[in-house]
Structure formats: structure tokens, C-alpha cells
């Protein structure tokens, strides 16, 4: 499953909305196998994400081959690969197939995520080890 055709989606599984979306999104089989990875669990891909300076608390990451897509680019790329089967995939495709719309909506969704995680008492992942950045 973790071969060259695997597409890695790294996100915060402690966010109920993120988890709901990421567990239901499906891509066309010709694109490869979608591997979902919890950003809160230490992994090689989290080391890569940190090494290239992406703040996982600010956006999900999609790795396709050697390419990293971050935040709105990740959700847009996922939408273009979407199987369009089921309501979630169809809605995601319709909303995020436009890179412009994805860039406009993603910051709003990320802000809502941060408020939700604050209400739930979750801590930040803080993969970039920013001082005094543990709480939302």
C-alpha cells in the first residue's frame, strides 16, 4: 500500500471535522492509493513535512510522488482526484475544483478548525517547535 502509487494525506485526526472529511474523501483508483496519516503520530512523512518548513497546524498536507501540496493546494488537488462517488466527494469536487475558491475558503475552514480544537481543549501539534505555540 505504501508504494510509488500511494498518495499520502497528512492531517490532524483529533479534529472531528478534518477526520470526518479525510476518512470519507475518495480518489479515483487510477491516481493511486490514498493513505491517511495522523499528523499527531511521529512518522517519516511528518519529519519530511517539518524539514521543508510546513506548519501542520495551519494546513493539511498531501504528498503525491515527490510533490507536497499544502492547505488549500492540498484540498484542491484532492478534489481534482476525487472519485465523485457519494455526497462528500461530490461536494468536495464542486467546492474545491477551483483553485481560486479553495484559496478563499481554506483559511476560513482552518480558522473554524482552530476554534473547534480550542473548545475541545486540544493542543497544537507544533511540528515546527515554535516557542509558546502549544495552545490554540
Protein backbone atom coordinates (compact mmCIF):
# COMPACT_ATOMS: atom_id res chain seq x y z
CA UNK A 1 0.00 0.00 0.00
CA UNK A 2 2.94 2.38 0.56
CA UNK A 3 4.37 2.11 -2.93
CA UNK A 4 5.12 4.74 -5.56
CA UNK A 5 1.40 4.90 -6.40
CA UNK A 6 0.48 5.86 -2.83
CA UNK A 7 -0.82 9.33 -2.16
CA UNK A 8 -0.30 10.42 1.42
CA UNK A 9 -2.81 12.66 3.18
CA UNK A 10 -1.48 14.01 6.47
CA UNK A 11 -3.96 15.72 8.79
CA UNK A 12 -4.95 16.12 12.43
CA UNK A 13 -7.15 13.19 13.41
CA UNK A 14 -8.06 14.95 16.67
CA UNK A 15 -10.08 17.47 14.67
CA UNK A 16 -13.52 15.86 14.25
CA UNK A 17 -14.33 17.82 11.08
CA UNK A 18 -10.93 17.09 9.48
CA UNK A 19 -11.23 13.42 10.38
CA UNK A 20 -14.79 13.21 9.02
CA UNK A 21 -13.73 14.75 5.70
CA UNK A 22 -10.45 12.85 5.32
CA UNK A 23 -11.98 9.47 6.17
CA UNK A 24 -14.69 9.94 3.54
CA UNK A 25 -12.76 11.52 0.69
CA UNK A 26 -12.03 9.01 -2.03
CA UNK A 27 -9.86 9.36 -5.11
CA UNK A 28 -10.08 7.63 -8.46
CA UNK A 29 -8.17 4.36 -8.44
CA UNK A 30 -6.05 5.42 -11.42
CA UNK A 31 -4.50 8.16 -9.25
CA UNK A 32 -3.19 5.65 -6.73
CA UNK A 33 -3.94 4.52 -3.19
CA UNK A 34 -4.87 7.20 -0.68
CA UNK A 35 -3.02 6.65 2.61
CA UNK A 36 -4.35 8.68 5.53
CA UNK A 37 -1.76 9.62 8.16
CA UNK A 38 -2.37 11.13 11.59
CA UNK A 39 -0.12 14.16 11.95
CA UNK A 40 -0.01 13.65 15.73
CA UNK A 41 1.82 10.33 15.36
CA UNK A 42 5.55 10.51 14.67
CA UNK A 43 6.29 9.30 11.14
CA UNK A 44 8.82 9.67 8.37
CA UNK A 45 6.45 11.89 6.40
CA UNK A 46 5.98 14.20 9.41
CA UNK A 47 9.77 14.50 9.56
CA UNK A 48 9.73 15.47 5.85
CA UNK A 49 6.92 18.00 6.38
CA UNK A 50 8.81 19.58 9.27
CA UNK A 51 12.10 19.60 7.33
CA UNK A 52 10.55 21.62 4.49
CA UNK A 53 9.01 24.04 6.99
CA UNK A 54 5.28 23.32 6.64
CA UNK A 55 3.23 24.06 9.76
CA UNK A 56 0.79 21.15 10.01
CA UNK A 57 -1.34 23.20 12.44
CA UNK A 58 -2.04 25.66 9.63
CA UNK A 59 -2.93 23.13 6.93
CA UNK A 60 -3.17 19.54 5.83
CA UNK A 61 -0.51 18.11 3.55
CA UNK A 62 -0.94 15.89 0.52
CA UNK A 63 2.11 14.16 -0.90
CA UNK A 64 1.83 12.87 -4.44
CA UNK A 65 5.07 11.30 -5.59
CA UNK A 66 7.76 13.79 -4.61
CA UNK A 67 5.38 16.76 -4.63
CA UNK A 68 3.91 18.29 -1.48
CA UNK A 69 0.62 20.17 -1.56
CA UNK A 70 -0.26 22.26 1.46
CA UNK A 71 -3.50 23.71 2.80
CA UNK A 72 -5.73 24.99 0.01
CA UNK A 73 -3.47 23.40 -2.62
CA UNK A 74 -3.90 20.03 -0.88
CA UNK A 75 -7.68 20.25 -0.77
CA UNK A 76 -7.79 21.46 -4.39
CA UNK A 77 -5.54 18.63 -5.58
CA UNK A 78 -7.65 16.08 -3.66
CA UNK A 79 -10.78 17.49 -5.30
CA UNK A 80 -9.32 17.08 -8.78
CA UNK A 81 -8.56 13.41 -7.99
CA UNK A 82 -11.92 12.82 -6.30
CA UNK A 83 -13.94 9.80 -7.31
CA UNK A 84 -17.08 11.98 -7.11
CA UNK A 85 -18.88 8.97 -5.55
CA UNK A 86 -21.12 9.93 -2.67
CA UNK A 87 -22.20 13.28 -1.31
CA UNK A 88 -18.91 14.25 0.38
CA UNK A 89 -16.77 13.54 -2.69
CA UNK A 90 -19.24 15.28 -4.99
CA UNK A 91 -19.45 18.34 -2.73
CA UNK A 92 -15.65 18.48 -2.29
CA UNK A 93 -15.17 18.33 -6.05
CA UNK A 94 -17.78 21.01 -6.65
CA UNK A 95 -16.36 23.34 -3.96
CA UNK A 96 -12.63 22.85 -4.35
CA UNK A 97 -12.04 22.04 -8.02
CA UNK A 98 -11.43 25.76 -8.47
CA UNK A 99 -8.07 26.69 -7.00
CA UNK A 100 -9.31 30.25 -6.52
CA UNK A 101 -12.29 29.11 -4.42
CA UNK A 102 -10.12 26.66 -2.47
CA UNK A 103 -7.70 29.52 -1.66
CA UNK A 104 -10.62 31.67 -0.47
CA UNK A 105 -12.38 29.01 1.63
CA UNK A 106 -9.44 27.19 3.20
CA UNK A 107 -8.38 29.98 5.61
CA UNK A 108 -11.98 30.20 6.87
CA UNK A 109 -12.12 26.44 7.38
CA UNK A 110 -8.73 26.47 9.16
CA UNK A 111 -9.91 29.26 11.48
CA UNK A 112 -13.06 27.27 12.31
CA UNK A 113 -10.88 24.21 12.98
CA UNK A 114 -8.74 26.21 15.40
CA UNK A 115 -11.80 27.45 17.30
CA UNK A 116 -13.22 23.91 17.47
CA UNK A 117 -9.95 22.46 18.77
CA UNK A 118 -9.71 25.26 21.33
CA UNK A 119 -13.24 24.48 22.55
CA UNK A 120 -12.34 20.77 22.71
CA UNK A 121 -9.20 21.59 24.73
CA UNK A 122 -6.78 20.12 22.20
CA UNK A 123 -3.20 21.25 21.88
CA UNK A 124 -1.40 22.22 18.69
CA UNK A 125 0.82 19.64 17.03
CA UNK A 126 3.54 22.32 16.79
CA UNK A 127 5.76 20.29 14.47
CA UNK A 128 7.92 23.36 13.81
CA UNK A 129 8.64 23.61 17.56
CA UNK A 130 7.61 27.26 17.78
CA UNK A 131 8.07 28.53 21.33
CA UNK A 132 4.84 29.20 23.30
CA UNK A 133 2.73 27.72 20.46
CA UNK A 134 1.20 24.71 22.19
CA UNK A 135 -2.34 26.08 22.72
CA UNK A 136 -4.95 27.28 20.27
